[in-house]
């Protein structure tokens, strides 16, 4: 099981938001950028399989890249 990293998280998010153009910034609201609940669940399952201990509600409560990195990489 390999640890997640910031580059991988950004790539996974970008892959699920094909209509968002440009870089995703730490302060961006990922839901406002078009990330839907099904996509969040997909990411969550991938991240949990890699050892991340995070809940759906924790991600939706603070849907910014900075908050997610804090939860996933700490």
PDB file of N, CA and C in Angstrom:
ATOM      1  N   UNK A   1       0.847  -1.172   0.000  1.00  0.00           N
ATOM      2  CA  UNK A   1       0.000   0.000   0.000  1.00  0.00           C
ATOM      3  C   UNK A   1       0.897   1.241   0.000  1.00  0.00           C
ATOM      4  N   UNK A   2       0.803   2.053  -1.035  1.00  0.00           N
ATOM      5  CA  UNK A   2       1.632   3.255  -1.118  1.00  0.00           C
ATOM      6  C   UNK A   2       0.868   4.461  -0.590  1.00  0.00           C
ATOM      7  N   UNK A   3       1.610   5.415  -0.039  1.00  0.00           N
ATOM      8  CA  UNK A   3       1.004   6.615   0.511  1.00  0.00           C
ATOM      9  C   UNK A   3       0.572   7.556  -0.606  1.00  0.00           C
ATOM     10  N   UNK A   4      -0.483   8.296  -0.342  1.00  0.00           N
ATOM     11  CA  UNK A   4      -0.943   9.314  -1.275  1.00  0.00           C
ATOM     12  C   UNK A   4       0.020  10.498  -1.239  1.00  0.00           C
ATOM     13  N   UNK A   5       0.033  11.261  -2.335  1.00  0.00           N
ATOM     14  CA  UNK A   5       0.815  12.497  -2.359  1.00  0.00           C
ATOM     15  C   UNK A   5      -0.009  13.587  -3.045  1.00  0.00           C
ATOM     16  N   UNK A   6       0.427  14.817  -2.888  1.00  0.00           N
ATOM     17  CA  UNK A   6      -0.323  15.968  -3.401  1.00  0.00           C
ATOM     18  C   UNK A   6      -0.527  15.904  -4.912  1.00  0.00           C
ATOM     19  N   UNK A   7       0.497  15.541  -5.645  1.00  0.00           N
ATOM     20  CA  UNK A   7       0.403  15.471  -7.110  1.00  0.00           C
ATOM     21  C   UNK A   7      -0.656  14.463  -7.534  1.00  0.00           C
ATOM     22  N   UNK A   8      -0.667  13.331  -6.887  1.00  0.00           N
ATOM     23  CA  UNK A   8      -1.639  12.289  -7.220  1.00  0.00           C
ATOM     24  C   UNK A   8      -3.068  12.734  -6.904  1.00  0.00           C
ATOM     25  N   UNK A   9      -3.261  13.386  -5.772  1.00  0.00           N
ATOM     26  CA  UNK A   9      -4.594  13.873  -5.403  1.00  0.00           C
ATOM     27  C   UNK A   9      -5.090  14.875  -6.437  1.00  0.00           C
ATOM     28  N   UNK A  10      -4.234  15.818  -6.820  1.00  0.00           N
ATOM     29  CA  UNK A  10      -4.615  16.815  -7.835  1.00  0.00           C
ATOM     30  C   UNK A  10      -4.959  16.151  -9.170  1.00  0.00           C
ATOM     31  N   UNK A  11      -4.187  15.151  -9.574  1.00  0.00           N
ATOM     32  CA  UNK A  11      -4.450  14.457 -10.837  1.00  0.00           C
ATOM     33  C   UNK A  11      -5.785  13.723 -10.776  1.00  0.00           C
ATOM     34  N   UNK A  12      -6.044  13.044  -9.683  1.00  0.00           N
ATOM     35  CA  UNK A  12      -7.312  12.323  -9.547  1.00  0.00           C
ATOM     36  C   UNK A  12      -8.491  13.286  -9.605  1.00  0.00           C
ATOM     37  N   UNK A  13      -8.363  14.424  -8.963  1.00  0.00           N
ATOM     38  CA  UNK A  13      -9.424  15.422  -9.001  1.00  0.00           C
ATOM     39  C   UNK A  13      -9.610  15.965 -10.411  1.00  0.00           C
ATOM     40  N   UNK A  14      -8.526  16.296 -11.068  1.00  0.00           N
ATOM     41  CA  UNK A  14      -8.600  16.822 -12.437  1.00  0.00           C
ATOM     42  C   UNK A  14      -9.247  15.826 -13.387  1.00  0.00           C
ATOM     43  N   UNK A  15      -8.940  14.548 -13.203  1.00  0.00           N
ATOM     44  CA  UNK A  15      -9.527  13.513 -14.057  1.00  0.00           C
ATOM     45  C   UNK A  15     -11.043  13.423 -13.897  1.00  0.00           C
ATOM     46  N   UNK A  16     -11.542  13.766 -12.722  1.00  0.00           N
ATOM     47  CA  UNK A  16     -12.982  13.691 -12.462  1.00  0.00           C
ATOM     48  C   UNK A  16     -13.718  14.993 -12.761  1.00  0.00           C
ATOM     49  N   UNK A  17     -12.976  16.033 -13.109  1.00  0.00           N
ATOM     50  CA  UNK A  17     -13.585  17.322 -13.425  1.00  0.00           C
ATOM     51  C   UNK A  17     -13.141  17.776 -14.815  1.00  0.00           C
ATOM     52  N   UNK A  18     -13.571  17.073 -15.853  1.00  0.00           N
ATOM     53  CA  UNK A  18     -13.079  17.364 -17.202  1.00  0.00           C
ATOM     54  C   UNK A  18     -13.475  18.734 -17.736  1.00  0.00           C
ATOM     55  N   UNK A  19     -14.505  19.341 -17.157  1.00  0.00           N
ATOM     56  CA  UNK A  19     -14.934  20.636 -17.672  1.00  0.00           C
ATOM     57  C   UNK A  19     -14.234  21.801 -16.986  1.00  0.00           C
ATOM     58  N   UNK A  20     -13.495  21.516 -15.931  1.00  0.00           N
ATOM     59  CA  UNK A  20     -12.729  22.561 -15.250  1.00  0.00           C
ATOM     60  C   UNK A  20     -11.406  22.733 -15.982  1.00  0.00           C
ATOM     61  N   UNK A  21     -11.146  23.934 -16.393  1.00  0.00           N
ATOM     62  CA  UNK A  21      -9.901  24.234 -17.098  1.00  0.00           C
ATOM     63  C   UNK A  21      -8.928  24.903 -16.143  1.00  0.00           C
ATOM     64  N   UNK A  22      -7.697  24.496 -16.187  1.00  0.00           N
ATOM     65  CA  UNK A  22      -6.673  25.135 -15.368  1.00  0.00           C
ATOM     66  C   UNK A  22      -6.336  24.340 -14.128  1.00  0.00           C
ATOM     67  N   UNK A  23      -5.412  24.894 -13.370  1.00  0.00           N
ATOM     68  CA  UNK A  23      -4.920  24.241 -12.159  1.00  0.00           C
ATOM     69  C   UNK A  23      -5.929  24.376 -11.025  1.00  0.00           C
ATOM     70  N   UNK A  24      -5.985  23.366 -10.191  1.00  0.00           N
ATOM     71  CA  UNK A  24      -6.814  23.418  -9.001  1.00  0.00           C
ATOM     72  C   UNK A  24      -5.948  23.985  -7.878  1.00  0.00           C
ATOM     73  N   UNK A  25      -6.442  25.040  -7.246  1.00  0.00           N
ATOM     74  CA  UNK A  25      -5.702  25.725  -6.185  1.00  0.00           C
ATOM     75  C   UNK A  25      -6.206  25.293  -4.818  1.00  0.00           C
ATOM     76  N   UNK A  26      -5.357  25.463  -3.816  1.00  0.00           N
ATOM     77  CA  UNK A  26      -5.687  25.031  -2.457  1.00  0.00           C
ATOM     78  C   UNK A  26      -7.005  25.589  -1.940  1.00  0.00           C
ATOM     79  N   UNK A  27      -7.318  26.822  -2.270  1.00  0.00           N
ATOM     80  CA  UNK A  27      -8.521  27.462  -1.732  1.00  0.00           C
ATOM     81  C   UNK A  27      -9.779  27.215  -2.575  1.00  0.00           C
ATOM     82  N   UNK A  28      -9.639  26.544  -3.707  1.00  0.00           N
ATOM     83  CA  UNK A  28     -10.794  26.285  -4.577  1.00  0.00           C
ATOM     84  C   UNK A  28     -11.809  25.374  -3.896  1.00  0.00           C
ATOM     85  N   UNK A  29     -13.085  25.733  -4.025  1.00  0.00           N
ATOM     86  CA  UNK A  29     -14.165  24.872  -3.554  1.00  0.00           C
ATOM     87  C   UNK A  29     -14.392  23.820  -4.643  1.00  0.00           C
ATOM     88  N   UNK A  30     -14.070  22.590  -4.335  1.00  0.00           N
ATOM     89  CA  UNK A  30     -14.113  21.527  -5.341  1.00  0.00           C
ATOM     90  C   UNK A  30     -15.528  21.220  -5.816  1.00  0.00           C
ATOM     91  N   UNK A  31     -16.500  21.388  -4.943  1.00  0.00           N
ATOM     92  CA  UNK A  31     -17.896  21.159  -5.334  1.00  0.00           C
ATOM     93  C   UNK A  31     -18.347  22.263  -6.289  1.00  0.00           C
ATOM     94  N   UNK A  32     -17.955  23.498  -6.000  1.00  0.00           N
ATOM     95  CA  UNK A  32     -18.296  24.615  -6.884  1.00  0.00           C
ATOM     96  C   UNK A  32     -17.644  24.450  -8.258  1.00  0.00           C
ATOM     97  N   UNK A  33     -16.500  23.754  -8.300  1.00  0.00           N
ATOM     98  CA  UNK A  33     -15.820  23.509  -9.576  1.00  0.00           C
ATOM     99  C   UNK A  33     -16.451  22.364 -10.362  1.00  0.00           C
ATOM    100  N   UNK A  34     -17.411  21.677  -9.757  1.00  0.00           N
ATOM    101  CA  UNK A  34     -18.120  20.634 -10.489  1.00  0.00           C
ATOM    102  C   UNK A  34     -17.962  19.222  -9.968  1.00  0.00           C
ATOM    103  N   UNK A  35     -17.264  19.036  -8.861  1.00  0.00           N
ATOM    104  CA  UNK A  35     -17.111  17.699  -8.301  1.00  0.00           C
ATOM    105  C   UNK A  35     -18.423  17.310  -7.623  1.00  0.00           C
ATOM    106  N   UNK A  36     -19.015  16.207  -8.054  1.00  0.00           N
ATOM    107  CA  UNK A  36     -20.289  15.784  -7.483  1.00  0.00           C
ATOM    108  C   UNK A  36     -20.092  14.678  -6.441  1.00  0.00           C
ATOM    109  N   UNK A  37     -21.175  14.334  -5.766  1.00  0.00           N
ATOM    110  CA  UNK A  37     -21.086  13.372  -4.667  1.00  0.00           C
ATOM    111  C   UNK A  37     -20.636  11.991  -5.129  1.00  0.00           C
ATOM    112  N   UNK A  38     -21.037  11.570  -6.293  1.00  0.00           N
ATOM    113  CA  UNK A  38     -20.612  10.259  -6.798  1.00  0.00           C
ATOM    114  C   UNK A  38     -19.104  10.245  -7.045  1.00  0.00           C
ATOM    115  N   UNK A  39     -18.579  11.334  -7.542  1.00  0.00           N
ATOM    116  CA  UNK A  39     -17.129  11.435  -7.771  1.00  0.00           C
ATOM    117  C   UNK A  39     -16.370  11.447  -6.449  1.00  0.00           C
ATOM    118  N   UNK A  40     -16.934  12.127  -5.452  1.00  0.00           N
ATOM    119  CA  UNK A  40     -16.294  12.148  -4.139  1.00  0.00           C
ATOM    120  C   UNK A  40     -16.262  10.733  -3.561  1.00  0.00           C
ATOM    121  N   UNK A  41     -17.360   9.995  -3.709  1.00  0.00           N
ATOM    122  CA  UNK A  41     -17.398   8.612  -3.227  1.00  0.00           C
ATOM    123  C   UNK A  41     -16.372   7.737  -3.947  1.00  0.00           C
ATOM    124  N   UNK A  42     -16.233   7.946  -5.237  1.00  0.00           N
ATOM    125  CA  UNK A  42     -15.239   7.195  -6.008  1.00  0.00           C
ATOM    126  C   UNK A  42     -13.826   7.473  -5.479  1.00  0.00           C
ATOM    127  N   UNK A  43     -13.515   8.749  -5.283  1.00  0.00           N
ATOM    128  CA  UNK A  43     -12.207   9.121  -4.739  1.00  0.00           C
ATOM    129  C   UNK A  43     -12.013   8.540  -3.346  1.00  0.00           C
ATOM    130  N   UNK A  44     -13.042   8.647  -2.530  1.00  0.00           N
ATOM    131  CA  UNK A  44     -12.972   8.152  -1.162  1.00  0.00           C
ATOM    132  C   UNK A  44     -12.653   6.661  -1.123  1.00  0.00           C
ATOM    133  N   UNK A  45     -13.294   5.896  -1.983  1.00  0.00           N
ATOM    134  CA  UNK A  45     -13.015   4.457  -2.044  1.00  0.00           C
ATOM    135  C   UNK A  45     -11.574   4.186  -2.462  1.00  0.00           C
ATOM    136  N   UNK A  46     -11.083   4.938  -3.430  1.00  0.00           N
ATOM    137  CA  UNK A  46      -9.691   4.779  -3.864  1.00  0.00           C
ATOM    138  C   UNK A  46      -8.733   5.118  -2.727  1.00  0.00           C
ATOM    139  N   UNK A  47      -9.009   6.210  -2.044  1.00  0.00           N
ATOM    140  CA  UNK A  47      -8.123   6.660  -0.980  1.00  0.00           C
ATOM    141  C   UNK A  47      -8.167   5.729   0.224  1.00  0.00           C
ATOM    142  N   UNK A  48      -9.350   5.222   0.544  1.00  0.00           N
ATOM    143  CA  UNK A  48      -9.445   4.272   1.661  1.00  0.00           C
ATOM    144  C   UNK A  48      -8.692   2.985   1.349  1.00  0.00           C
ATOM    145  N   UNK A  49      -8.728   2.562   0.098  1.00  0.00           N
ATOM    146  CA  UNK A  49      -7.997   1.349  -0.269  1.00  0.00           C
ATOM    147  C   UNK A  49      -6.489   1.549  -0.151  1.00  0.00           C
ATOM    148  N   UNK A  50      -6.074   2.798  -0.091  1.00  0.00           N
ATOM    149  CA  UNK A  50      -4.651   3.132   0.065  1.00  0.00           C
ATOM    150  C   UNK A  50      -4.316   3.495   1.506  1.00  0.00           C
ATOM    151  N   UNK A  51      -5.285   3.297   2.410  1.00  0.00           N
ATOM    152  CA  UNK A  51      -5.022   3.507   3.825  1.00  0.00           C
ATOM    153  C   UNK A  51      -5.510   4.810   4.418  1.00  0.00           C
ATOM    154  N   UNK A  52      -6.145   5.656   3.625  1.00  0.00           N
ATOM    155  CA  UNK A  52      -6.635   6.932   4.156  1.00  0.00           C
ATOM    156  C   UNK A  52      -7.801   6.680   5.112  1.00  0.00           C
ATOM    157  N   UNK A  53      -7.816   7.405   6.206  1.00  0.00           N
ATOM    158  CA  UNK A  53      -8.881   7.294   7.195  1.00  0.00           C
ATOM    159  C   UNK A  53      -9.660   8.604   7.191  1.00  0.00           C
ATOM    160  N   UNK A  54     -10.611   8.697   6.282  1.00  0.00           N
ATOM    161  CA  UNK A  54     -11.395   9.921   6.119  1.00  0.00           C
ATOM    162  C   UNK A  54     -12.824   9.536   5.748  1.00  0.00           C
ATOM    163  N   UNK A  55     -13.775  10.370   6.139  1.00  0.00           N
ATOM    164  CA  UNK A  55     -15.183  10.078   5.855  1.00  0.00           C
ATOM    165  C   UNK A  55     -15.713  10.997   4.753  1.00  0.00           C
ATOM    166  N   UNK A  56     -16.799  10.569   4.164  1.00  0.00           N
ATOM    167  CA  UNK A  56     -17.473  11.366   3.147  1.00  0.00           C
ATOM    168  C   UNK A  56     -17.876  12.717   3.733  1.00  0.00           C
ATOM    169  N   UNK A  57     -18.470  12.690   4.923  1.00  0.00           N
ATOM    170  CA  UNK A  57     -18.935  13.948   5.527  1.00  0.00           C
ATOM    171  C   UNK A  57     -17.784  14.913   5.806  1.00  0.00           C
ATOM    172  N   UNK A  58     -16.619  14.385   6.173  1.00  0.00           N
ATOM    173  CA  UNK A  58     -15.461  15.249   6.418  1.00  0.00           C
ATOM    174  C   UNK A  58     -15.011  15.940   5.131  1.00  0.00           C
ATOM    175  N   UNK A  59     -15.095  15.230   4.016  1.00  0.00           N
ATOM    176  CA  UNK A  59     -14.697  15.827   2.741  1.00  0.00           C
ATOM    177  C   UNK A  59     -15.703  16.872   2.278  1.00  0.00           C
ATOM    178  N   UNK A  60     -16.984  16.577   2.423  1.00  0.00           N
ATOM    179  CA  UNK A  60     -18.028  17.499   1.970  1.00  0.00           C
ATOM    180  C   UNK A  60     -18.104  18.730   2.872  1.00  0.00           C
ATOM    181  N   UNK A  61     -17.797  18.544   4.145  1.00  0.00           N
ATOM    182  CA  UNK A  61     -17.839  19.649   5.100  1.00  0.00           C
ATOM    183  C   UNK A  61     -16.845  20.749   4.748  1.00  0.00           C
ATOM    184  N   UNK A  62     -15.684  20.375   4.265  1.00  0.00           N
ATOM    185  CA  UNK A  62     -14.644  21.326   3.859  1.00  0.00           C
ATOM    186  C   UNK A  62     -14.131  20.923   2.484  1.00  0.00           C
ATOM    187  N   UNK A  63     -14.842  21.309   1.416  1.00  0.00           N
ATOM    188  CA  UNK A  63     -14.490  20.821   0.076  1.00  0.00           C
ATOM    189  C   UNK A  63     -13.423  21.632  -0.651  1.00  0.00           C
ATOM    190  N   UNK A  64     -12.325  21.929   0.050  1.00  0.00           N
ATOM    191  CA  UNK A  64     -11.208  22.618  -0.606  1.00  0.00           C
ATOM    192  C   UNK A  64     -10.028  21.662  -0.708  1.00  0.00           C
ATOM    193  N   UNK A  65      -9.173  21.905  -1.671  1.00  0.00           N
ATOM    194  CA  UNK A  65      -7.990  21.076  -1.837  1.00  0.00           C
ATOM    195  C   UNK A  65      -7.115  21.137  -0.587  1.00  0.00           C
ATOM    196  N   UNK A  66      -6.974  22.322   0.006  1.00  0.00           N
ATOM    197  CA  UNK A  66      -6.149  22.457   1.210  1.00  0.00           C
ATOM    198  C   UNK A  66      -6.670  21.580   2.345  1.00  0.00           C
ATOM    199  N   UNK A  67      -7.977  21.609   2.581  1.00  0.00           N
ATOM    200  CA  UNK A  67      -8.561  20.803   3.654  1.00  0.00           C
ATOM    201  C   UNK A  67      -8.402  19.316   3.375  1.00  0.00           C
ATOM    202  N   UNK A  68      -8.607  18.913   2.122  1.00  0.00           N
ATOM    203  CA  UNK A  68      -8.495  17.507   1.775  1.00  0.00           C
ATOM    204  C   UNK A  68      -7.055  17.032   1.913  1.00  0.00           C
ATOM    205  N   UNK A  69      -6.104  17.855   1.485  1.00  0.00           N
ATOM    206  CA  UNK A  69      -4.694  17.463   1.642  1.00  0.00           C
ATOM    207  C   UNK A  69      -4.356  17.308   3.112  1.00  0.00           C
ATOM    208  N   UNK A  70      -4.875  18.196   3.941  1.00  0.00           N
ATOM    209  CA  UNK A  70      -4.627  18.135   5.378  1.00  0.00           C
ATOM    210  C   UNK A  70      -5.170  16.818   5.959  1.00  0.00           C
ATOM    211  N   UNK A  71      -6.345  16.425   5.524  1.00  0.00           N
ATOM    212  CA  UNK A  71      -6.965  15.194   6.022  1.00  0.00           C
ATOM    213  C   UNK A  71      -6.275  13.942   5.467  1.00  0.00           C
ATOM    214  N   UNK A  72      -5.858  13.991   4.222  1.00  0.00           N
ATOM    215  CA  UNK A  72      -5.314  12.802   3.563  1.00  0.00           C
ATOM    216  C   UNK A  72      -3.825  12.601   3.753  1.00  0.00           C
ATOM    217  N   UNK A  73      -3.081  13.671   3.923  1.00  0.00           N
ATOM    218  CA  UNK A  73      -1.625  13.565   3.949  1.00  0.00           C
ATOM    219  C   UNK A  73      -1.014  13.673   5.344  1.00  0.00           C
ATOM    220  N   UNK A  74      -1.863  13.890   6.343  1.00  0.00           N
ATOM    221  CA  UNK A  74      -1.307  14.032   7.706  1.00  0.00           C
ATOM    222  C   UNK A  74      -1.174  12.699   8.397  1.00  0.00           C
TER     223      UNK A  74
END
